[in-house]
Amino acid sequence: MGEYLHHKYGLDFRCLRYPGVISVNTPPGGGTTDYAVQIFHDALSTGHHECYLRPDTRLPMMHISDCHRATVEFMQTPDCQLSLRTYNIAAMSFTPEEVAQEIRKHLPHLKVTYNPDSVRQTIADSWPVRFDDSNARRDWGWAPAFGLEELVTDMLLSVRDKRTREGFLVS
């Protein structure tokens, strides 16, 4: 509809397709990519995370700061620079085992077990392992600031601070 209204009436319609967004401020709600937030809470509270996806399930993800910045940059891009009305944005793709290995660089005691949930695993298996954001990079200069290493460092610090402020123990 937005594409139609843009072409028919000149409406400045813009749309972004986001990967899984990782934030300390939104509690995991059971979605397919929510393990990538829960693992940080579990690592700092109990040192154990039970993952509902297979260890090799690769999914596209993004730090919330990159999500916010991409949205603002996209909305500020002059219309004449846009060759499309809908863009993918991407930052990184990783598996549960890869994020666990990166966390273990900071918290070597982290134990992760895998108990795949058939519904969420089926959903994850239907998603692309990477988003092609080459159009966004070309048209408006999109580039993420956070890779896996930066995401893990920031999330561990942010979750630790949040748990401390809320009076919870941190392991």
N, C-alpha and C. Protein backbone atom coordinates (compact mmCIF):
# COMPACT_ATOMS: atom_id res chain seq x y z
N MET A 1 0.83 -1.18 0.00
CA MET A 1 0.00 0.00 0.00
C MET A 1 0.87 1.25 0.00
N GLY A 2 1.92 1.24 0.84
CA GLY A 2 2.81 2.39 0.90
C GLY A 2 3.51 2.64 -0.42
N GLU A 3 3.95 1.56 -1.06
CA GLU A 3 4.59 1.69 -2.38
C GLU A 3 3.61 2.31 -3.38
N TYR A 4 2.38 1.82 -3.36
CA TYR A 4 1.34 2.32 -4.26
C TYR A 4 1.10 3.82 -4.03
N LEU A 5 0.94 4.19 -2.76
CA LEU A 5 0.67 5.60 -2.44
C LEU A 5 1.87 6.49 -2.80
N HIS A 6 3.06 5.95 -2.68
CA HIS A 6 4.24 6.72 -3.08
C HIS A 6 4.21 6.99 -4.59
N HIS A 7 4.00 5.94 -5.35
CA HIS A 7 4.02 6.07 -6.81
C HIS A 7 2.82 6.84 -7.35
N LYS A 8 1.67 6.68 -6.73
CA LYS A 8 0.45 7.32 -7.23
C LYS A 8 0.34 8.78 -6.79
N TYR A 9 0.69 9.05 -5.50
CA TYR A 9 0.44 10.38 -4.94
C TYR A 9 1.71 11.08 -4.41
N GLY A 10 2.86 10.42 -4.49
CA GLY A 10 4.09 11.05 -4.01
C GLY A 10 4.29 10.98 -2.51
N LEU A 11 3.53 10.13 -1.83
CA LEU A 11 3.70 9.97 -0.37
C LEU A 11 5.12 9.50 -0.07
N ASP A 12 5.76 10.14 0.89
CA ASP A 12 7.12 9.74 1.27
C ASP A 12 7.03 8.51 2.18
N PHE A 13 6.79 7.37 1.56
CA PHE A 13 6.70 6.10 2.28
C PHE A 13 8.08 5.47 2.38
N ARG A 14 8.45 5.04 3.59
CA ARG A 14 9.73 4.38 3.83
C ARG A 14 9.52 3.22 4.79
N CYS A 15 10.22 2.14 4.54
CA CYS A 15 10.05 0.95 5.35
C CYS A 15 11.40 0.26 5.53
N LEU A 16 11.68 -0.18 6.76
CA LEU A 16 12.89 -0.94 7.06
C LEU A 16 12.51 -2.33 7.54
N ARG A 17 13.25 -3.33 7.10
CA ARG A 17 13.11 -4.70 7.61
C ARG A 17 14.28 -4.94 8.54
N TYR A 18 13.98 -5.16 9.80
CA TYR A 18 15.00 -5.35 10.83
C TYR A 18 15.27 -6.84 11.06
N PRO A 19 16.49 -7.17 11.45
CA PRO A 19 16.77 -8.52 11.95
C PRO A 19 16.31 -8.62 13.41
N GLY A 20 16.68 -9.66 14.12
CA GLY A 20 16.41 -9.74 15.55
C GLY A 20 17.14 -8.61 16.25
N VAL A 21 16.43 -7.83 17.06
CA VAL A 21 17.02 -6.68 17.73
C VAL A 21 17.31 -7.04 19.18
N ILE A 22 18.53 -6.79 19.62
CA ILE A 22 18.99 -7.17 20.95
C ILE A 22 19.13 -5.92 21.81
N SER A 23 18.40 -5.92 22.94
CA SER A 23 18.37 -4.77 23.82
C SER A 23 18.27 -5.22 25.27
N VAL A 24 18.94 -4.50 26.15
CA VAL A 24 18.84 -4.78 27.58
C VAL A 24 17.51 -4.27 28.13
N ASN A 25 16.88 -3.32 27.46
CA ASN A 25 15.68 -2.67 27.98
C ASN A 25 14.38 -3.40 27.69
N THR A 26 14.40 -4.38 26.82
CA THR A 26 13.19 -5.13 26.51
C THR A 26 13.39 -6.56 27.00
N PRO A 27 12.59 -6.99 27.97
CA PRO A 27 12.77 -8.36 28.47
C PRO A 27 12.38 -9.38 27.39
N PRO A 28 13.08 -10.51 27.36
CA PRO A 28 12.74 -11.55 26.40
C PRO A 28 11.31 -12.02 26.62
N GLY A 29 10.58 -12.16 25.53
CA GLY A 29 9.17 -12.55 25.63
C GLY A 29 8.86 -13.89 25.03
N GLY A 30 9.89 -14.67 24.70
CA GLY A 30 9.66 -16.00 24.18
C GLY A 30 9.73 -16.11 22.66
N GLY A 31 10.09 -15.03 21.99
CA GLY A 31 10.21 -15.06 20.54
C GLY A 31 11.41 -15.87 20.09
N THR A 32 11.46 -16.13 18.82
CA THR A 32 12.50 -16.99 18.25
C THR A 32 13.90 -16.46 18.50
N THR A 33 14.11 -15.15 18.43
CA THR A 33 15.44 -14.59 18.63
C THR A 33 15.70 -14.17 20.07
N ASP A 34 14.74 -14.34 20.95
CA ASP A 34 14.88 -13.87 22.33
C ASP A 34 15.96 -14.60 23.14
N TYR A 35 16.39 -15.78 22.67
CA TYR A 35 17.49 -16.45 23.37
C TYR A 35 18.71 -15.53 23.42
N ALA A 36 18.87 -14.69 22.38
CA ALA A 36 20.05 -13.84 22.26
C ALA A 36 20.04 -12.69 23.25
N VAL A 37 18.94 -12.48 23.94
CA VAL A 37 18.89 -11.55 25.07
C VAL A 37 18.95 -12.35 26.37
N GLN A 38 18.17 -13.41 26.45
CA GLN A 38 18.09 -14.21 27.68
C GLN A 38 19.43 -14.79 28.09
N ILE A 39 20.26 -15.16 27.14
CA ILE A 39 21.54 -15.77 27.47
C ILE A 39 22.42 -14.84 28.32
N PHE A 40 22.31 -13.54 28.11
CA PHE A 40 23.10 -12.59 28.91
C PHE A 40 22.59 -12.54 30.35
N HIS A 41 21.27 -12.52 30.51
CA HIS A 41 20.68 -12.53 31.86
C HIS A 41 21.06 -13.81 32.59
N ASP A 42 20.93 -14.94 31.89
CA ASP A 42 21.26 -16.23 32.50
C ASP A 42 22.74 -16.33 32.84
N ALA A 43 23.59 -15.85 31.95
CA ALA A 43 25.04 -15.90 32.18
C ALA A 43 25.42 -15.17 33.45
N LEU A 44 24.76 -14.04 33.69
CA LEU A 44 25.10 -13.22 34.86
C LEU A 44 24.32 -13.60 36.12
N SER A 45 23.24 -14.34 35.98
CA SER A 45 22.47 -14.71 37.17
C SER A 45 22.80 -16.12 37.65
N THR A 46 22.74 -17.10 36.76
CA THR A 46 22.95 -18.50 37.17
C THR A 46 24.17 -19.14 36.54
N GLY A 47 24.68 -18.55 35.46
CA GLY A 47 25.80 -19.16 34.75
C GLY A 47 25.39 -20.29 33.84
N HIS A 48 24.08 -20.49 33.68
CA HIS A 48 23.57 -21.56 32.81
C HIS A 48 22.44 -21.03 31.94
N HIS A 49 22.48 -21.39 30.68
CA HIS A 49 21.41 -21.03 29.76
C HIS A 49 20.96 -22.28 29.01
N GLU A 50 19.64 -22.53 29.02
CA GLU A 50 19.08 -23.60 28.21
C GLU A 50 18.49 -22.97 26.96
N CYS A 51 19.07 -23.29 25.82
CA CYS A 51 18.68 -22.67 24.56
C CYS A 51 17.63 -23.53 23.86
N TYR A 52 16.59 -22.89 23.34
CA TYR A 52 15.51 -23.59 22.65
C TYR A 52 15.74 -23.73 21.15
N LEU A 53 16.94 -23.35 20.69
CA LEU A 53 17.32 -23.56 19.30
C LEU A 53 18.54 -24.48 19.26
N ARG A 54 18.78 -25.09 18.10
CA ARG A 54 19.99 -25.89 17.92
C ARG A 54 21.22 -24.97 18.00
N PRO A 55 22.35 -25.49 18.41
CA PRO A 55 23.54 -24.65 18.56
C PRO A 55 24.04 -24.04 17.24
N ASP A 56 23.67 -24.62 16.12
CA ASP A 56 24.15 -24.16 14.82
C ASP A 56 23.13 -23.31 14.05
N THR A 57 22.09 -22.85 14.72
CA THR A 57 21.04 -22.07 14.07
C THR A 57 21.49 -20.62 13.88
N ARG A 58 21.81 -20.27 12.67
CA ARG A 58 22.32 -18.92 12.36
C ARG A 58 21.15 -18.01 12.01
N LEU A 59 21.08 -16.86 12.72
CA LEU A 59 20.03 -15.87 12.48
C LEU A 59 20.63 -14.47 12.43
N PRO A 60 20.01 -13.59 11.64
CA PRO A 60 20.48 -12.20 11.59
C PRO A 60 20.05 -11.45 12.85
N MET A 61 20.98 -10.65 13.40
CA MET A 61 20.75 -9.92 14.65
C MET A 61 21.31 -8.51 14.54
N MET A 62 20.90 -7.67 15.48
CA MET A 62 21.35 -6.28 15.50
C MET A 62 21.25 -5.72 16.91
N HIS A 63 22.23 -4.93 17.31
CA HIS A 63 22.19 -4.23 18.59
C HIS A 63 21.17 -3.08 18.48
N ILE A 64 20.46 -2.81 19.53
CA ILE A 64 19.43 -1.77 19.53
C ILE A 64 19.98 -0.40 19.12
N SER A 65 21.22 -0.10 19.49
CA SER A 65 21.79 1.19 19.10
C SER A 65 21.92 1.31 17.58
N ASP A 66 22.32 0.23 16.93
CA ASP A 66 22.37 0.24 15.47
C ASP A 66 20.97 0.36 14.87
N CYS A 67 20.01 -0.28 15.50
CA CYS A 67 18.62 -0.20 15.04
C CYS A 67 18.12 1.24 15.08
N HIS A 68 18.35 1.90 16.20
CA HIS A 68 17.92 3.30 16.34
C HIS A 68 18.62 4.19 15.32
N ARG A 69 19.93 4.01 15.22
CA ARG A 69 20.71 4.86 14.31
C ARG A 69 20.30 4.64 12.86
N ALA A 70 20.08 3.39 12.47
CA ALA A 70 19.65 3.09 11.09
C ALA A 70 18.33 3.77 10.78
N THR A 71 17.42 3.73 11.73
CA THR A 71 16.10 4.33 11.52
C THR A 71 16.22 5.84 11.33
N VAL A 72 16.98 6.49 12.19
CA VAL A 72 17.15 7.94 12.09
C VAL A 72 17.85 8.31 10.79
N GLU A 73 18.94 7.61 10.47
CA GLU A 73 19.66 7.91 9.24
C GLU A 73 18.77 7.73 8.01
N PHE A 74 17.99 6.68 8.00
CA PHE A 74 17.09 6.41 6.88
C PHE A 74 16.05 7.53 6.73
N MET A 75 15.47 7.93 7.85
CA MET A 75 14.45 8.98 7.79
C MET A 75 15.04 10.33 7.39
N GLN A 76 16.32 10.55 7.66
CA GLN A 76 16.97 11.81 7.32
C GLN A 76 17.56 11.82 5.90
N THR A 77 17.57 10.68 5.25
CA THR A 77 18.13 10.60 3.90
C THR A 77 17.21 11.33 2.92
N PRO A 78 17.76 12.21 2.12
CA PRO A 78 16.93 12.90 1.12
C PRO A 78 16.27 11.88 0.19
N ASP A 79 15.03 12.13 -0.11
CA ASP A 79 14.23 11.24 -0.94
C ASP A 79 14.92 10.91 -2.27
N CYS A 80 15.61 11.88 -2.82
CA CYS A 80 16.25 11.68 -4.13
C CYS A 80 17.37 10.64 -4.10
N GLN A 81 17.89 10.31 -2.91
CA GLN A 81 18.94 9.30 -2.79
C GLN A 81 18.39 7.88 -2.74
N LEU A 82 17.10 7.75 -2.50
CA LEU A 82 16.52 6.42 -2.31
C LEU A 82 16.09 5.81 -3.64
N SER A 83 16.62 4.63 -3.93
CA SER A 83 16.21 3.92 -5.15
C SER A 83 15.05 2.97 -4.86
N LEU A 84 14.79 2.73 -3.57
CA LEU A 84 13.72 1.84 -3.13
C LEU A 84 12.90 2.54 -2.05
N ARG A 85 11.82 1.95 -1.68
CA ARG A 85 11.01 2.45 -0.56
C ARG A 85 11.14 1.52 0.65
N THR A 86 11.57 0.30 0.43
CA THR A 86 11.72 -0.70 1.49
C THR A 86 13.13 -1.26 1.44
N TYR A 87 13.80 -1.25 2.59
CA TYR A 87 15.18 -1.71 2.68
C TYR A 87 15.34 -2.73 3.80
N ASN A 88 16.23 -3.69 3.59
CA ASN A 88 16.74 -4.54 4.67
C ASN A 88 17.88 -3.79 5.31
N ILE A 89 18.01 -3.93 6.62
CA ILE A 89 19.23 -3.49 7.28
C ILE A 89 19.78 -4.70 8.04
N ALA A 90 21.08 -4.76 8.10
CA ALA A 90 21.72 -5.91 8.74
C ALA A 90 22.89 -5.44 9.58
N ALA A 91 23.31 -6.30 10.47
CA ALA A 91 24.48 -6.01 11.28
C ALA A 91 25.37 -7.24 11.37
N MET A 92 24.82 -8.34 11.85
CA MET A 92 25.60 -9.56 12.05
C MET A 92 24.66 -10.75 12.00
N SER A 93 25.21 -11.90 11.79
CA SER A 93 24.48 -13.16 11.92
C SER A 93 25.33 -14.07 12.78
N PHE A 94 24.70 -14.73 13.73
CA PHE A 94 25.45 -15.66 14.58
C PHE A 94 24.55 -16.79 15.05
N THR A 95 25.19 -17.81 15.58
CA THR A 95 24.49 -18.98 16.11
C THR A 95 24.49 -18.89 17.63
N PRO A 96 23.62 -19.66 18.29
CA PRO A 96 23.67 -19.69 19.75
C PRO A 96 25.04 -20.10 20.29
N GLU A 97 25.69 -21.04 19.62
CA GLU A 97 27.00 -21.46 20.10
C GLU A 97 28.05 -20.37 19.91
N GLU A 98 27.97 -19.61 18.84
CA GLU A 98 28.92 -18.52 18.63
C GLU A 98 28.77 -17.42 19.67
N VAL A 99 27.53 -17.06 20.02
CA VAL A 99 27.36 -16.03 21.05
C VAL A 99 27.81 -16.57 22.40
N ALA A 100 27.55 -17.85 22.66
CA ALA A 100 28.00 -18.45 23.93
C ALA A 100 29.53 -18.43 24.02
N GLN A 101 30.20 -18.75 22.93
CA GLN A 101 31.67 -18.74 22.93
C GLN A 101 32.21 -17.32 23.18
N GLU A 102 31.55 -16.33 22.61
CA GLU A 102 31.99 -14.95 22.82
C GLU A 102 31.76 -14.52 24.27
N ILE A 103 30.64 -14.93 24.85
CA ILE A 103 30.36 -14.62 26.26
C ILE A 103 31.39 -15.29 27.16
N ARG A 104 31.79 -16.52 26.81
CA ARG A 104 32.77 -17.24 27.63
C ARG A 104 34.14 -16.55 27.67
N LYS A 105 34.40 -15.66 26.73
CA LYS A 105 35.65 -14.88 26.79
C LYS A 105 35.63 -13.95 28.00
N HIS A 106 34.42 -13.61 28.46
CA HIS A 106 34.25 -12.74 29.63
C HIS A 106 33.85 -13.55 30.87
N LEU A 107 33.05 -14.58 30.65
CA LEU A 107 32.51 -15.41 31.73
C LEU A 107 32.77 -16.88 31.39
N PRO A 108 33.97 -17.37 31.66
CA PRO A 108 34.34 -18.73 31.24
C PRO A 108 33.46 -19.83 31.83
N HIS A 109 32.77 -19.54 32.93
CA HIS A 109 31.95 -20.55 33.60
C HIS A 109 30.61 -20.80 32.91
N LEU A 110 30.24 -20.01 31.91
CA LEU A 110 28.93 -20.16 31.27
C LEU A 110 28.74 -21.56 30.71
N LYS A 111 27.64 -22.18 31.11
CA LYS A 111 27.26 -23.49 30.57
C LYS A 111 25.99 -23.30 29.75
N VAL A 112 25.98 -23.85 28.56
CA VAL A 112 24.80 -23.78 27.70
C VAL A 112 24.40 -25.19 27.30
N THR A 113 23.12 -25.49 27.52
CA THR A 113 22.57 -26.75 27.05
C THR A 113 21.54 -26.43 25.97
N TYR A 114 21.30 -27.40 25.13
CA TYR A 114 20.40 -27.18 24.00
C TYR A 114 19.24 -28.16 24.08
N ASN A 115 18.04 -27.58 24.06
CA ASN A 115 16.80 -28.35 24.09
C ASN A 115 15.87 -27.72 23.06
N PRO A 116 16.09 -27.99 21.77
CA PRO A 116 15.33 -27.29 20.73
C PRO A 116 13.82 -27.46 20.87
N ASP A 117 13.13 -26.33 20.78
CA ASP A 117 11.67 -26.30 20.76
C ASP A 117 11.26 -26.40 19.30
N SER A 118 10.44 -27.37 18.97
CA SER A 118 10.14 -27.64 17.55
C SER A 118 9.47 -26.46 16.85
N VAL A 119 8.62 -25.72 17.55
CA VAL A 119 7.93 -24.59 16.92
C VAL A 119 8.92 -23.47 16.61
N ARG A 120 9.69 -23.05 17.62
CA ARG A 120 10.64 -21.96 17.39
C ARG A 120 11.76 -22.38 16.44
N GLN A 121 12.19 -23.65 16.50
CA GLN A 121 13.23 -24.12 15.59
C GLN A 121 12.73 -24.10 14.15
N THR A 122 11.47 -24.49 13.94
CA THR A 122 10.90 -24.46 12.59
C THR A 122 10.83 -23.03 12.06
N ILE A 123 10.45 -22.10 12.92
CA ILE A 123 10.41 -20.69 12.52
C ILE A 123 11.82 -20.22 12.16
N ALA A 124 12.78 -20.51 13.03
CA ALA A 124 14.16 -20.08 12.78
C ALA A 124 14.70 -20.68 11.48
N ASP A 125 14.36 -21.93 11.22
CA ASP A 125 14.85 -22.59 10.00
C ASP A 125 14.25 -21.98 8.74
N SER A 126 13.14 -21.26 8.88
CA SER A 126 12.50 -20.65 7.71
C SER A 126 13.05 -19.26 7.41
N TRP A 127 13.83 -18.69 8.31
CA TRP A 127 14.35 -17.33 8.13
C TRP A 127 15.66 -17.34 7.35
N PRO A 128 15.97 -16.23 6.72
CA PRO A 128 17.29 -16.14 6.07
C PRO A 128 18.38 -16.09 7.14
N VAL A 129 19.55 -16.63 6.83
CA VAL A 129 20.64 -16.59 7.81
C VAL A 129 21.32 -15.22 7.80
N ARG A 130 21.14 -14.48 6.73
CA ARG A 130 21.68 -13.12 6.62
C ARG A 130 20.71 -12.28 5.82
N PHE A 131 20.65 -11.00 6.17
CA PHE A 131 19.89 -10.04 5.37
C PHE A 131 20.84 -9.37 4.39
N ASP A 132 20.40 -9.21 3.17
CA ASP A 132 21.18 -8.48 2.18
C ASP A 132 20.81 -7.00 2.31
N ASP A 133 21.73 -6.23 2.88
CA ASP A 133 21.47 -4.81 3.06
C ASP A 133 22.31 -3.95 2.10
N SER A 134 22.73 -4.54 1.00
CA SER A 134 23.59 -3.82 0.05
C SER A 134 22.91 -2.58 -0.52
N ASN A 135 21.60 -2.60 -0.68
CA ASN A 135 20.89 -1.41 -1.19
C ASN A 135 20.95 -0.27 -0.18
N ALA A 136 20.79 -0.57 1.09
CA ALA A 136 20.87 0.47 2.13
C ALA A 136 22.29 1.02 2.23
N ARG A 137 23.27 0.16 2.10
CA ARG A 137 24.67 0.61 2.14
C ARG A 137 24.97 1.52 0.96
N ARG A 138 24.46 1.16 -0.21
CA ARG A 138 24.70 1.95 -1.42
C ARG A 138 23.93 3.26 -1.41
N ASP A 139 22.65 3.23 -1.08
CA ASP A 139 21.79 4.42 -1.23
C ASP A 139 21.96 5.44 -0.11
N TRP A 140 22.11 4.99 1.11
CA TRP A 140 22.20 5.96 2.20
C TRP A 140 23.31 5.70 3.20
N GLY A 141 24.28 4.88 2.77
CA GLY A 141 25.50 4.73 3.56
C GLY A 141 25.37 3.94 4.84
N TRP A 142 24.37 3.05 4.93
CA TRP A 142 24.18 2.28 6.14
C TRP A 142 25.42 1.41 6.42
N ALA A 143 25.84 1.40 7.67
CA ALA A 143 26.90 0.49 8.15
C ALA A 143 26.72 0.32 9.65
N PRO A 144 26.66 -0.92 10.13
CA PRO A 144 26.50 -1.13 11.57
C PRO A 144 27.77 -0.78 12.34
N ALA A 145 27.60 -0.39 13.58
CA ALA A 145 28.74 -0.10 14.46
C ALA A 145 29.07 -1.31 15.34
N PHE A 146 28.10 -2.18 15.59
CA PHE A 146 28.27 -3.31 16.50
C PHE A 146 28.41 -4.62 15.72
N GLY A 147 29.50 -5.32 15.99
CA GLY A 147 29.67 -6.71 15.58
C GLY A 147 29.40 -7.58 16.80
N LEU A 148 29.62 -8.86 16.69
CA LEU A 148 29.35 -9.77 17.80
C LEU A 148 30.18 -9.43 19.03
N GLU A 149 31.44 -9.16 18.85
CA GLU A 149 32.31 -8.84 20.00
C GLU A 149 31.82 -7.60 20.74
N GLU A 150 31.49 -6.55 20.01
CA GLU A 150 31.00 -5.31 20.63
C GLU A 150 29.64 -5.51 21.28
N LEU A 151 28.79 -6.29 20.63
CA LEU A 151 27.46 -6.57 21.19
C LEU A 151 27.59 -7.28 22.53
N VAL A 152 28.42 -8.32 22.59
CA VAL A 152 28.58 -9.09 23.82
C VAL A 152 29.15 -8.22 24.94
N THR A 153 30.17 -7.47 24.64
CA THR A 153 30.77 -6.59 25.66
C THR A 153 29.73 -5.61 26.20
N ASP A 154 28.99 -4.97 25.31
CA ASP A 154 27.99 -3.99 25.74
C ASP A 154 26.85 -4.64 26.51
N MET A 155 26.35 -5.77 26.03
CA MET A 155 25.22 -6.42 26.71
C MET A 155 25.61 -6.92 28.09
N LEU A 156 26.79 -7.48 28.23
CA LEU A 156 27.21 -7.94 29.56
C LEU A 156 27.31 -6.77 30.53
N LEU A 157 27.90 -5.68 30.10
CA LEU A 157 27.99 -4.48 30.94
C LEU A 157 26.61 -3.94 31.26
N SER A 158 25.74 -3.83 30.27
CA SER A 158 24.40 -3.26 30.46
C SER A 158 23.52 -4.14 31.33
N VAL A 159 23.57 -5.46 31.13
CA VAL A 159 22.76 -6.37 31.95
C VAL A 159 23.28 -6.37 33.38
N ARG A 160 24.60 -6.36 33.54
CA ARG A 160 25.19 -6.32 34.89
C ARG A 160 24.73 -5.05 35.61
N ASP A 161 24.81 -3.90 34.93
CA ASP A 161 24.37 -2.64 35.54
C ASP A 161 22.89 -2.67 35.88
N LYS A 162 22.08 -3.17 34.97
CA LYS A 162 20.63 -3.23 35.19
C LYS A 162 20.30 -4.14 36.37
N ARG A 163 20.91 -5.31 36.43
CA ARG A 163 20.64 -6.24 37.53
C ARG A 163 21.08 -5.63 38.87
N THR A 164 22.21 -4.94 38.88
CA THR A 164 22.72 -4.31 40.09
C THR A 164 21.75 -3.22 40.56
N ARG A 165 21.31 -2.36 39.63
CA ARG A 165 20.35 -1.29 39.98
C ARG A 165 19.05 -1.85 40.53
N GLU A 166 18.64 -3.01 40.01
CA GLU A 166 17.37 -3.62 40.44
C GLU A 166 17.54 -4.50 41.67
N GLY A 167 18.77 -4.58 42.22
CA GLY A 167 18.99 -5.34 43.45
C GLY A 167 19.15 -6.83 43.28
N PHE A 168 19.44 -7.29 42.07
CA PHE A 168 19.64 -8.71 41.83
C PHE A 168 21.12 -9.05 41.92
N LEU A 169 21.41 -10.28 42.33
CA LEU A 169 22.78 -10.74 42.38
C LEU A 169 23.32 -10.92 40.97
N VAL A 170 24.62 -10.72 40.85
CA VAL A 170 25.32 -10.93 39.59
C VAL A 170 26.43 -11.90 39.85
N SER A 171 26.47 -12.98 39.06
CA SER A 171 27.55 -13.98 39.27
C SER A 171 28.80 -13.59 38.51
